[in-house]
N, C-alpha and C. Protein backbone atom coordinates (compact mmCIF):
# COMPACT_ATOMS: atom_id res chain seq x y z
N UNK A 1 11.02 -10.21 3.55
CA UNK A 1 9.57 -10.37 3.41
C UNK A 1 8.85 -9.32 4.24
N UNK A 2 7.90 -8.66 3.64
CA UNK A 2 7.15 -7.62 4.33
C UNK A 2 5.69 -8.04 4.42
N UNK A 3 5.13 -7.92 5.60
CA UNK A 3 3.71 -8.21 5.79
C UNK A 3 3.06 -7.00 6.44
N UNK A 4 1.92 -6.65 5.94
CA UNK A 4 1.26 -5.43 6.43
C UNK A 4 -0.03 -5.78 7.16
N UNK A 5 -0.13 -5.31 8.40
CA UNK A 5 -1.38 -5.42 9.17
C UNK A 5 -1.77 -4.00 9.54
N UNK A 6 -2.94 -3.54 9.13
CA UNK A 6 -3.31 -2.13 9.33
C UNK A 6 -3.68 -1.80 10.77
N UNK A 7 -3.78 -0.49 11.02
CA UNK A 7 -4.34 -0.02 12.30
C UNK A 7 -5.76 -0.54 12.45
N UNK A 8 -6.23 -0.55 13.69
CA UNK A 8 -7.64 -0.89 13.91
C UNK A 8 -8.35 0.30 14.55
N UNK A 9 -9.65 0.33 14.41
CA UNK A 9 -10.43 1.42 14.99
C UNK A 9 -10.50 1.25 16.51
N UNK A 10 -10.76 2.35 17.19
CA UNK A 10 -10.93 2.35 18.63
C UNK A 10 -12.41 2.07 18.93
N UNK A 11 -12.73 0.93 19.53
CA UNK A 11 -14.15 0.62 19.78
C UNK A 11 -14.80 1.57 20.78
N UNK A 12 -13.98 2.30 21.54
CA UNK A 12 -14.51 3.27 22.52
C UNK A 12 -14.85 4.60 21.86
N UNK A 13 -14.43 4.79 20.61
CA UNK A 13 -14.62 6.07 19.92
C UNK A 13 -16.07 6.20 19.48
N UNK A 14 -16.80 7.09 20.11
CA UNK A 14 -18.20 7.32 19.74
C UNK A 14 -18.39 8.79 19.41
N UNK A 15 -19.28 9.06 18.49
CA UNK A 15 -19.49 10.42 18.01
C UNK A 15 -20.87 10.90 18.45
N UNK A 16 -20.94 12.03 19.15
CA UNK A 16 -22.25 12.54 19.59
C UNK A 16 -23.03 13.13 18.42
N UNK A 17 -24.24 13.53 18.70
CA UNK A 17 -25.06 14.22 17.70
C UNK A 17 -24.39 15.56 17.41
N UNK A 18 -24.21 15.87 16.14
CA UNK A 18 -23.53 17.11 15.78
C UNK A 18 -24.45 18.31 15.82
N UNK A 19 -23.83 19.49 15.95
CA UNK A 19 -24.58 20.74 15.91
C UNK A 19 -25.00 21.00 14.46
N UNK A 20 -26.07 21.76 14.29
CA UNK A 20 -26.53 22.09 12.94
C UNK A 20 -25.53 23.04 12.30
N UNK A 21 -25.04 22.69 11.11
CA UNK A 21 -24.04 23.52 10.45
C UNK A 21 -24.68 24.33 9.34
N UNK A 22 -24.11 25.50 9.09
CA UNK A 22 -24.54 26.34 7.97
C UNK A 22 -23.49 26.21 6.89
N UNK A 23 -23.89 25.80 5.72
CA UNK A 23 -22.93 25.55 4.67
C UNK A 23 -22.30 24.18 4.83
N UNK A 24 -21.11 24.02 4.29
CA UNK A 24 -20.41 22.73 4.32
C UNK A 24 -19.11 22.90 5.10
N UNK A 25 -18.99 22.17 6.19
CA UNK A 25 -17.83 22.26 7.07
C UNK A 25 -16.80 21.20 6.70
N UNK A 26 -15.65 21.64 6.21
CA UNK A 26 -14.53 20.75 5.93
C UNK A 26 -13.69 20.62 7.20
N UNK A 27 -13.06 19.46 7.38
CA UNK A 27 -12.26 19.23 8.59
C UNK A 27 -10.93 18.59 8.23
N UNK A 28 -9.86 19.15 8.81
CA UNK A 28 -8.54 18.51 8.78
C UNK A 28 -8.11 18.32 10.23
N UNK A 29 -7.61 17.13 10.56
CA UNK A 29 -7.08 16.85 11.89
C UNK A 29 -5.69 16.27 11.73
N UNK A 30 -4.70 16.90 12.34
CA UNK A 30 -3.33 16.37 12.24
C UNK A 30 -2.32 17.46 12.52
N UNK A 31 -1.07 17.10 12.41
CA UNK A 31 -0.02 18.07 12.68
C UNK A 31 0.12 19.05 11.52
N UNK A 32 0.64 20.21 11.81
CA UNK A 32 0.81 21.26 10.80
C UNK A 32 2.27 21.30 10.38
N UNK A 33 2.65 20.29 9.60
CA UNK A 33 4.00 20.19 9.08
C UNK A 33 3.92 20.09 7.56
N UNK A 34 5.05 20.34 6.88
CA UNK A 34 5.06 20.43 5.42
C UNK A 34 4.49 19.18 4.75
N UNK A 35 4.86 17.99 5.27
CA UNK A 35 4.46 16.75 4.59
C UNK A 35 2.96 16.45 4.68
N UNK A 36 2.25 17.18 5.54
CA UNK A 36 0.80 16.95 5.68
C UNK A 36 -0.01 17.66 4.59
N UNK A 37 0.62 18.58 3.87
CA UNK A 37 -0.03 19.20 2.72
C UNK A 37 -1.17 20.16 3.04
N UNK A 38 -1.23 20.69 4.26
CA UNK A 38 -2.36 21.56 4.65
C UNK A 38 -2.38 22.84 3.82
N UNK A 39 -1.21 23.31 3.39
CA UNK A 39 -1.18 24.53 2.57
C UNK A 39 -2.02 24.37 1.31
N UNK A 40 -2.03 23.15 0.72
CA UNK A 40 -2.79 22.91 -0.51
C UNK A 40 -4.29 22.87 -0.23
N UNK A 41 -4.64 22.46 0.97
CA UNK A 41 -6.06 22.49 1.36
C UNK A 41 -6.52 23.94 1.50
N UNK A 42 -5.68 24.77 2.12
CA UNK A 42 -6.02 26.19 2.25
C UNK A 42 -6.09 26.84 0.87
N UNK A 43 -5.18 26.46 -0.03
CA UNK A 43 -5.19 27.01 -1.39
C UNK A 43 -6.39 26.51 -2.20
N UNK A 44 -6.96 25.38 -1.80
CA UNK A 44 -8.16 24.87 -2.49
C UNK A 44 -9.42 25.62 -2.07
N UNK A 45 -9.40 26.19 -0.87
CA UNK A 45 -10.63 26.82 -0.35
C UNK A 45 -11.14 27.97 -1.22
N UNK A 46 -10.29 28.88 -1.75
CA UNK A 46 -10.81 29.94 -2.62
C UNK A 46 -11.44 29.41 -3.91
N UNK A 47 -11.12 28.16 -4.27
CA UNK A 47 -11.66 27.57 -5.49
C UNK A 47 -13.03 26.94 -5.24
N UNK A 48 -13.48 26.96 -4.00
CA UNK A 48 -14.77 26.38 -3.62
C UNK A 48 -15.76 27.50 -3.33
N UNK A 49 -17.06 27.23 -3.50
CA UNK A 49 -18.07 28.26 -3.19
C UNK A 49 -17.99 28.72 -1.73
N UNK A 50 -18.55 29.89 -1.48
CA UNK A 50 -18.51 30.52 -0.15
C UNK A 50 -19.09 29.63 0.94
N UNK A 51 -19.99 28.72 0.59
CA UNK A 51 -20.63 27.91 1.63
C UNK A 51 -19.66 26.90 2.26
N UNK A 52 -18.51 26.71 1.64
CA UNK A 52 -17.51 25.80 2.20
C UNK A 52 -16.65 26.54 3.23
N UNK A 53 -16.55 25.92 4.41
CA UNK A 53 -15.71 26.48 5.48
C UNK A 53 -14.71 25.39 5.89
N UNK A 54 -13.60 25.80 6.48
CA UNK A 54 -12.55 24.85 6.82
C UNK A 54 -12.16 24.99 8.29
N UNK A 55 -12.13 23.86 8.98
CA UNK A 55 -11.62 23.83 10.36
C UNK A 55 -10.36 22.98 10.38
N UNK A 56 -9.28 23.57 10.91
CA UNK A 56 -7.99 22.90 10.99
C UNK A 56 -7.69 22.64 12.46
N UNK A 57 -7.60 21.36 12.82
CA UNK A 57 -7.34 20.95 14.20
C UNK A 57 -5.94 20.36 14.27
N UNK A 58 -5.10 20.97 15.09
CA UNK A 58 -3.74 20.48 15.26
C UNK A 58 -2.76 21.62 15.40
N UNK A 59 -1.57 21.31 15.88
CA UNK A 59 -0.51 22.29 16.05
C UNK A 59 0.68 21.91 15.20
N UNK A 60 1.60 22.86 15.07
CA UNK A 60 2.83 22.57 14.34
C UNK A 60 3.54 23.85 13.96
N UNK A 61 4.77 23.67 13.49
CA UNK A 61 5.62 24.82 13.19
C UNK A 61 5.05 25.71 12.08
N UNK A 62 4.16 25.16 11.25
CA UNK A 62 3.64 25.93 10.11
C UNK A 62 2.39 26.74 10.43
N UNK A 63 1.89 26.66 11.66
CA UNK A 63 0.63 27.35 11.93
C UNK A 63 0.67 28.83 11.55
N UNK A 64 1.66 29.63 11.99
CA UNK A 64 1.63 31.05 11.61
C UNK A 64 1.73 31.26 10.10
N UNK A 65 2.49 30.40 9.41
CA UNK A 65 2.63 30.52 7.95
C UNK A 65 1.30 30.20 7.27
N UNK A 66 0.62 29.16 7.76
CA UNK A 66 -0.68 28.78 7.19
C UNK A 66 -1.74 29.84 7.46
N UNK A 67 -1.70 30.43 8.65
CA UNK A 67 -2.64 31.51 8.96
C UNK A 67 -2.41 32.70 8.04
N UNK A 68 -1.14 33.03 7.80
CA UNK A 68 -0.81 34.14 6.90
C UNK A 68 -1.26 33.84 5.47
N UNK A 69 -1.09 32.59 5.04
CA UNK A 69 -1.52 32.19 3.69
C UNK A 69 -3.03 32.33 3.56
N UNK A 70 -3.75 31.92 4.61
CA UNK A 70 -5.20 32.04 4.62
C UNK A 70 -5.64 33.50 4.48
N UNK A 71 -4.92 34.39 5.16
CA UNK A 71 -5.21 35.83 5.06
C UNK A 71 -4.95 36.33 3.64
N UNK A 72 -3.78 35.96 3.09
CA UNK A 72 -3.40 36.44 1.75
C UNK A 72 -4.39 35.98 0.69
N UNK A 73 -4.92 34.78 0.87
CA UNK A 73 -5.86 34.24 -0.12
C UNK A 73 -7.29 34.73 0.09
N UNK A 74 -7.51 35.50 1.15
CA UNK A 74 -8.83 36.06 1.41
C UNK A 74 -9.84 35.08 1.95
N UNK A 75 -9.35 34.01 2.62
CA UNK A 75 -10.28 33.01 3.16
C UNK A 75 -10.15 32.87 4.68
N UNK A 76 -9.54 33.85 5.33
CA UNK A 76 -9.37 33.75 6.79
C UNK A 76 -10.72 33.75 7.52
N UNK A 77 -11.74 34.39 6.90
CA UNK A 77 -13.07 34.40 7.52
C UNK A 77 -13.78 33.06 7.37
N UNK A 78 -13.24 32.19 6.51
CA UNK A 78 -13.83 30.86 6.30
C UNK A 78 -12.95 29.75 6.86
N UNK A 79 -11.87 30.14 7.53
CA UNK A 79 -10.90 29.17 8.05
C UNK A 79 -10.74 29.33 9.55
N UNK A 80 -10.88 28.24 10.27
CA UNK A 80 -10.71 28.26 11.73
C UNK A 80 -9.54 27.36 12.11
N UNK A 81 -8.58 27.95 12.83
CA UNK A 81 -7.45 27.18 13.37
C UNK A 81 -7.76 26.90 14.84
N UNK A 82 -8.06 25.65 15.14
CA UNK A 82 -8.48 25.30 16.50
C UNK A 82 -7.34 24.89 17.41
N UNK A 83 -6.14 24.68 16.85
CA UNK A 83 -5.05 24.17 17.67
C UNK A 83 -5.29 22.71 18.03
N UNK A 84 -4.53 22.25 19.03
CA UNK A 84 -4.67 20.86 19.45
C UNK A 84 -5.88 20.71 20.35
N UNK A 85 -6.65 19.65 20.16
CA UNK A 85 -7.84 19.36 20.98
C UNK A 85 -7.60 18.04 21.70
N UNK A 86 -7.91 17.95 22.99
CA UNK A 86 -7.75 16.68 23.71
C UNK A 86 -8.54 15.56 23.02
N UNK A 87 -7.98 14.36 23.04
CA UNK A 87 -8.59 13.22 22.36
C UNK A 87 -10.03 12.99 22.82
N UNK A 88 -10.30 13.25 24.11
CA UNK A 88 -11.65 13.01 24.65
C UNK A 88 -12.68 13.93 23.99
N UNK A 89 -12.23 15.05 23.42
CA UNK A 89 -13.16 16.02 22.83
C UNK A 89 -13.18 15.98 21.30
N UNK A 90 -12.28 15.20 20.71
CA UNK A 90 -12.13 15.24 19.25
C UNK A 90 -13.37 14.72 18.53
N UNK A 91 -14.11 13.81 19.16
CA UNK A 91 -15.29 13.25 18.48
C UNK A 91 -16.33 14.33 18.19
N UNK A 92 -16.40 15.36 19.04
CA UNK A 92 -17.35 16.46 18.80
C UNK A 92 -16.97 17.22 17.53
N UNK A 93 -15.67 17.31 17.27
CA UNK A 93 -15.20 17.99 16.06
C UNK A 93 -15.65 17.25 14.80
N UNK A 94 -15.52 15.94 14.83
CA UNK A 94 -16.01 15.15 13.70
C UNK A 94 -17.53 15.30 13.55
N UNK A 95 -18.23 15.31 14.67
CA UNK A 95 -19.70 15.39 14.64
C UNK A 95 -20.19 16.68 14.00
N UNK A 96 -19.42 17.76 14.17
CA UNK A 96 -19.83 19.07 13.67
C UNK A 96 -19.35 19.33 12.24
N UNK A 97 -18.80 18.31 11.58
CA UNK A 97 -18.24 18.49 10.24
C UNK A 97 -19.03 17.71 9.20
N UNK A 98 -18.84 18.09 7.94
CA UNK A 98 -19.54 17.42 6.84
C UNK A 98 -18.62 16.57 5.96
N UNK A 99 -17.35 17.00 5.81
CA UNK A 99 -16.39 16.28 4.97
C UNK A 99 -15.02 16.34 5.65
N UNK A 100 -14.35 15.19 5.70
CA UNK A 100 -12.99 15.15 6.21
C UNK A 100 -12.02 15.16 5.03
N UNK A 101 -10.95 15.95 5.15
CA UNK A 101 -9.97 16.03 4.06
C UNK A 101 -8.58 15.67 4.58
N UNK A 102 -7.95 14.72 3.89
CA UNK A 102 -6.57 14.33 4.20
C UNK A 102 -5.71 14.73 3.00
N UNK A 103 -4.98 15.88 3.07
CA UNK A 103 -4.26 16.38 1.90
C UNK A 103 -2.77 16.01 1.86
N UNK A 104 -2.38 14.90 2.49
CA UNK A 104 -0.97 14.53 2.62
C UNK A 104 -0.21 14.50 1.31
N UNK A 105 1.10 14.82 1.38
CA UNK A 105 1.91 14.84 0.16
C UNK A 105 3.08 13.87 0.24
N UNK A 106 3.09 12.99 1.25
CA UNK A 106 4.14 11.97 1.33
C UNK A 106 3.48 10.62 1.58
N UNK A 107 4.16 9.52 1.26
CA UNK A 107 3.52 8.19 1.39
C UNK A 107 3.49 7.69 2.84
N UNK A 108 2.72 8.38 3.67
CA UNK A 108 2.64 7.96 5.07
C UNK A 108 1.77 6.72 5.21
N UNK A 109 1.96 5.96 6.29
CA UNK A 109 1.09 4.81 6.54
C UNK A 109 -0.34 5.27 6.83
N UNK A 110 -1.24 4.33 6.85
CA UNK A 110 -2.63 4.64 7.20
C UNK A 110 -2.67 5.25 8.59
N UNK A 111 -3.22 6.46 8.69
CA UNK A 111 -3.23 7.14 9.98
C UNK A 111 -4.59 7.03 10.67
N UNK A 112 -4.59 7.30 11.93
CA UNK A 112 -5.78 7.13 12.75
C UNK A 112 -6.89 8.12 12.39
N UNK A 113 -6.54 9.32 11.94
CA UNK A 113 -7.58 10.32 11.69
C UNK A 113 -8.51 9.91 10.55
N UNK A 114 -7.97 9.26 9.53
CA UNK A 114 -8.83 8.79 8.43
C UNK A 114 -9.80 7.73 8.94
N UNK A 115 -9.29 6.82 9.77
CA UNK A 115 -10.17 5.79 10.36
C UNK A 115 -11.24 6.44 11.24
N UNK A 116 -10.84 7.43 12.05
CA UNK A 116 -11.81 8.10 12.93
C UNK A 116 -12.89 8.81 12.12
N UNK A 117 -12.47 9.49 11.05
CA UNK A 117 -13.44 10.21 10.21
C UNK A 117 -14.46 9.25 9.60
N UNK A 118 -13.98 8.11 9.13
CA UNK A 118 -14.88 7.12 8.54
C UNK A 118 -15.76 6.50 9.62
N UNK A 119 -15.19 6.28 10.80
CA UNK A 119 -15.96 5.76 11.93
C UNK A 119 -17.05 6.74 12.33
N UNK A 120 -16.78 8.04 12.12
CA UNK A 120 -17.74 9.09 12.43
C UNK A 120 -18.75 9.30 11.30
N UNK A 121 -18.72 8.43 10.29
CA UNK A 121 -19.66 8.47 9.16
C UNK A 121 -19.49 9.72 8.30
N UNK A 122 -18.24 10.15 8.12
CA UNK A 122 -17.97 11.29 7.24
C UNK A 122 -17.47 10.82 5.88
N UNK A 123 -17.84 11.51 4.80
CA UNK A 123 -17.14 11.31 3.54
C UNK A 123 -15.69 11.74 3.72
N UNK A 124 -14.75 11.05 3.08
CA UNK A 124 -13.34 11.39 3.21
C UNK A 124 -12.75 11.66 1.83
N UNK A 125 -12.18 12.85 1.68
CA UNK A 125 -11.43 13.21 0.47
C UNK A 125 -9.95 13.07 0.82
N UNK A 126 -9.20 12.44 -0.08
CA UNK A 126 -7.85 12.02 0.28
C UNK A 126 -6.93 12.10 -0.93
N UNK A 127 -5.67 12.47 -0.70
CA UNK A 127 -4.69 12.41 -1.78
C UNK A 127 -4.29 10.96 -2.03
N UNK A 128 -3.98 10.67 -3.27
CA UNK A 128 -3.74 9.30 -3.70
C UNK A 128 -2.27 8.91 -3.51
N UNK A 129 -1.85 8.88 -2.23
CA UNK A 129 -0.46 8.55 -1.93
C UNK A 129 -0.39 7.90 -0.56
N UNK A 130 0.46 6.89 -0.42
CA UNK A 130 0.64 6.22 0.86
C UNK A 130 -0.52 5.31 1.23
N UNK A 131 -0.69 5.09 2.54
CA UNK A 131 -1.68 4.15 3.04
C UNK A 131 -3.12 4.64 3.08
N UNK A 132 -3.38 5.94 3.36
CA UNK A 132 -4.78 6.37 3.49
C UNK A 132 -5.71 6.02 2.33
N UNK A 133 -5.30 6.18 1.05
CA UNK A 133 -6.27 5.87 -0.01
C UNK A 133 -6.68 4.40 -0.08
N UNK A 134 -5.92 3.52 0.59
CA UNK A 134 -6.27 2.09 0.56
C UNK A 134 -7.62 1.81 1.20
N UNK A 135 -8.08 2.71 2.08
CA UNK A 135 -9.34 2.44 2.79
C UNK A 135 -10.51 3.25 2.24
N UNK A 136 -10.27 4.09 1.23
CA UNK A 136 -11.34 4.94 0.70
C UNK A 136 -12.09 4.17 -0.39
N UNK A 137 -13.36 3.80 -0.16
CA UNK A 137 -14.11 3.02 -1.16
C UNK A 137 -14.43 3.80 -2.43
N UNK A 138 -14.55 5.14 -2.33
CA UNK A 138 -14.96 5.95 -3.49
C UNK A 138 -13.74 6.56 -4.16
N UNK A 139 -13.32 5.97 -5.28
CA UNK A 139 -12.12 6.45 -5.98
C UNK A 139 -12.27 7.88 -6.48
N UNK A 140 -13.51 8.32 -6.69
CA UNK A 140 -13.74 9.69 -7.15
C UNK A 140 -13.28 10.73 -6.14
N UNK A 141 -13.12 10.31 -4.88
CA UNK A 141 -12.73 11.24 -3.81
C UNK A 141 -11.23 11.22 -3.55
N UNK A 142 -10.48 10.55 -4.43
CA UNK A 142 -9.02 10.57 -4.36
C UNK A 142 -8.50 11.57 -5.39
N UNK A 143 -7.36 12.20 -5.08
CA UNK A 143 -6.78 13.15 -6.03
C UNK A 143 -5.26 13.16 -5.89
N UNK A 144 -4.61 13.79 -6.84
CA UNK A 144 -3.15 13.89 -6.81
C UNK A 144 -2.71 14.81 -5.66
N UNK A 145 -1.57 14.49 -5.04
CA UNK A 145 -1.07 15.35 -3.97
C UNK A 145 -0.51 16.68 -4.50
N UNK A 146 -0.45 17.67 -3.61
CA UNK A 146 0.14 18.98 -3.90
C UNK A 146 -0.53 19.68 -5.08
N UNK A 147 -1.85 19.51 -5.21
CA UNK A 147 -2.60 20.09 -6.33
C UNK A 147 -3.91 20.67 -5.81
N UNK A 148 -3.93 21.98 -5.49
CA UNK A 148 -5.15 22.59 -4.92
C UNK A 148 -6.39 22.43 -5.81
N UNK A 149 -6.20 22.54 -7.13
CA UNK A 149 -7.35 22.43 -8.04
C UNK A 149 -7.94 21.02 -8.00
N UNK A 150 -7.07 20.01 -7.99
CA UNK A 150 -7.55 18.63 -7.92
C UNK A 150 -8.23 18.36 -6.59
N UNK A 151 -7.69 18.94 -5.53
CA UNK A 151 -8.28 18.77 -4.20
C UNK A 151 -9.66 19.41 -4.15
N UNK A 152 -9.78 20.62 -4.67
CA UNK A 152 -11.08 21.31 -4.70
C UNK A 152 -12.10 20.52 -5.52
N UNK A 153 -11.66 19.97 -6.65
CA UNK A 153 -12.57 19.19 -7.51
C UNK A 153 -13.05 17.94 -6.78
N UNK A 154 -12.14 17.26 -6.06
CA UNK A 154 -12.54 16.06 -5.31
C UNK A 154 -13.51 16.41 -4.20
N UNK A 155 -13.30 17.53 -3.55
CA UNK A 155 -14.22 17.98 -2.48
C UNK A 155 -15.60 18.25 -3.07
N UNK A 156 -15.64 18.92 -4.23
CA UNK A 156 -16.93 19.21 -4.88
C UNK A 156 -17.66 17.92 -5.27
N UNK A 157 -16.90 16.87 -5.62
CA UNK A 157 -17.53 15.62 -6.06
C UNK A 157 -18.33 14.94 -4.97
N UNK A 158 -18.06 15.27 -3.71
CA UNK A 158 -18.84 14.66 -2.62
C UNK A 158 -20.33 14.96 -2.83
N UNK A 159 -20.64 16.18 -3.26
CA UNK A 159 -22.04 16.56 -3.48
C UNK A 159 -22.65 15.85 -4.69
N UNK A 160 -21.81 15.43 -5.62
CA UNK A 160 -22.31 14.80 -6.84
C UNK A 160 -22.59 13.31 -6.64
N UNK A 161 -21.96 12.70 -5.65
CA UNK A 161 -22.14 11.27 -5.40
C UNK A 161 -23.46 11.02 -4.67
N UNK A 162 -24.00 9.82 -4.75
CA UNK A 162 -25.25 9.53 -4.04
C UNK A 162 -25.10 9.75 -2.53
N UNK A 163 -26.21 10.05 -1.89
CA UNK A 163 -26.18 10.24 -0.43
C UNK A 163 -25.79 8.94 0.26
N UNK A 164 -25.34 9.07 1.49
CA UNK A 164 -25.02 7.89 2.26
C UNK A 164 -23.56 7.46 2.21
N UNK A 165 -22.69 8.31 1.62
CA UNK A 165 -21.26 7.96 1.55
C UNK A 165 -20.72 7.74 2.96
N UNK A 166 -21.05 8.66 3.87
CA UNK A 166 -20.55 8.58 5.23
C UNK A 166 -20.98 7.30 5.94
N UNK A 167 -22.24 6.95 5.79
CA UNK A 167 -22.73 5.71 6.43
C UNK A 167 -22.06 4.48 5.82
N UNK A 168 -21.80 4.54 4.52
CA UNK A 168 -21.10 3.44 3.86
C UNK A 168 -19.67 3.32 4.40
N UNK A 169 -19.02 4.48 4.57
CA UNK A 169 -17.68 4.50 5.15
C UNK A 169 -17.67 3.86 6.53
N UNK A 170 -18.68 4.22 7.32
CA UNK A 170 -18.76 3.70 8.69
C UNK A 170 -18.90 2.18 8.70
N UNK A 171 -19.78 1.66 7.85
CA UNK A 171 -19.97 0.21 7.77
C UNK A 171 -18.70 -0.49 7.29
N UNK A 172 -18.05 0.11 6.29
CA UNK A 172 -16.83 -0.47 5.72
C UNK A 172 -15.73 -0.58 6.79
N UNK A 173 -15.54 0.49 7.53
CA UNK A 173 -14.46 0.53 8.52
C UNK A 173 -14.75 -0.44 9.66
N UNK A 174 -16.01 -0.57 10.03
CA UNK A 174 -16.36 -1.48 11.13
C UNK A 174 -16.19 -2.95 10.72
N UNK A 175 -16.42 -3.25 9.45
CA UNK A 175 -16.31 -4.65 9.01
C UNK A 175 -14.89 -5.04 8.59
N UNK A 176 -14.01 -4.05 8.38
CA UNK A 176 -12.65 -4.36 7.93
C UNK A 176 -11.55 -3.98 8.93
N UNK A 177 -11.83 -3.06 9.85
CA UNK A 177 -10.77 -2.53 10.71
C UNK A 177 -11.13 -2.54 12.20
N UNK A 178 -12.11 -3.32 12.57
CA UNK A 178 -12.47 -3.42 13.99
C UNK A 178 -11.54 -4.40 14.69
N UNK A 179 -11.38 -4.33 16.03
CA UNK A 179 -10.49 -5.24 16.74
C UNK A 179 -10.74 -6.73 16.47
N UNK A 180 -12.00 -7.21 16.39
CA UNK A 180 -12.20 -8.64 16.11
C UNK A 180 -11.63 -9.08 14.75
N UNK A 181 -11.45 -8.13 13.83
CA UNK A 181 -10.88 -8.46 12.52
C UNK A 181 -9.35 -8.38 12.56
N UNK A 182 -8.81 -7.34 13.19
CA UNK A 182 -7.37 -7.08 13.14
C UNK A 182 -6.58 -7.90 14.17
N UNK A 183 -7.10 -8.05 15.38
CA UNK A 183 -6.35 -8.75 16.43
C UNK A 183 -5.99 -10.19 16.03
N UNK A 184 -6.92 -10.97 15.48
CA UNK A 184 -6.53 -12.33 15.05
C UNK A 184 -5.39 -12.33 14.02
N UNK A 185 -5.35 -11.31 13.16
CA UNK A 185 -4.27 -11.22 12.17
C UNK A 185 -2.92 -11.01 12.88
N UNK A 186 -2.93 -10.16 13.91
CA UNK A 186 -1.69 -9.91 14.67
C UNK A 186 -1.24 -11.17 15.39
N UNK A 187 -2.19 -11.85 16.04
CA UNK A 187 -1.85 -13.07 16.78
C UNK A 187 -1.33 -14.16 15.85
N UNK A 188 -1.98 -14.29 14.69
CA UNK A 188 -1.57 -15.31 13.73
C UNK A 188 -0.16 -15.02 13.21
N UNK A 189 0.15 -13.74 13.03
CA UNK A 189 1.48 -13.34 12.56
C UNK A 189 2.55 -13.72 13.59
N UNK A 190 2.29 -13.44 14.87
CA UNK A 190 3.26 -13.78 15.91
C UNK A 190 3.41 -15.30 16.06
N UNK A 191 2.33 -16.01 15.90
CA UNK A 191 2.41 -17.48 15.97
C UNK A 191 3.30 -18.03 14.86
N UNK A 192 3.18 -17.44 13.65
CA UNK A 192 4.02 -17.89 12.55
C UNK A 192 5.49 -17.57 12.80
N UNK A 193 5.75 -16.40 13.42
CA UNK A 193 7.12 -16.05 13.74
C UNK A 193 7.75 -17.05 14.71
N UNK A 194 6.97 -17.52 15.66
CA UNK A 194 7.50 -18.48 16.64
C UNK A 194 7.86 -19.82 15.98
N UNK A 195 7.13 -20.14 14.92
CA UNK A 195 7.37 -21.42 14.25
C UNK A 195 8.54 -21.36 13.27
N UNK A 196 8.92 -20.17 12.87
CA UNK A 196 9.99 -20.04 11.87
C UNK A 196 11.38 -20.11 12.50
């Protein structure tokens, strides 16, 4: 028997007022490994108008390969590799962004970065695999993994949807994934285990 209790948001996580951005700032936060699908996000960038820029936060063995791919595709001037950022400073990164993108290509569990992005009131574009899409209310922002064209199309759809996606995400995450919601589920699960 398998029972699933999701991650919960960090109630201490607060996002400051963001700096004024020029164009549309895309954000990826996570490790730079093959299963994260960052190469497909970089390959999607040339398919988007010039006003779209990409910030990649995180380290990993693929960083030099991804940087080289960005150069080859002619989007290195629109791509920023920030490396790893201390957790205490990560909220500023979300604040300065317009859209969060999770381009994963394996069925990973729901990760913290998707929750943080929604908590930061960002629209989230996500591949339709694993746990992350379970929390995305807007199905139009889901796409097939390992497909740069589908990823670019989903990113463009953010502009086509009504305003307020980010605020809706924030409300959704607070009412479904906050500690007062998740902790009782964990306690109830352990209580049932003791009785069995």
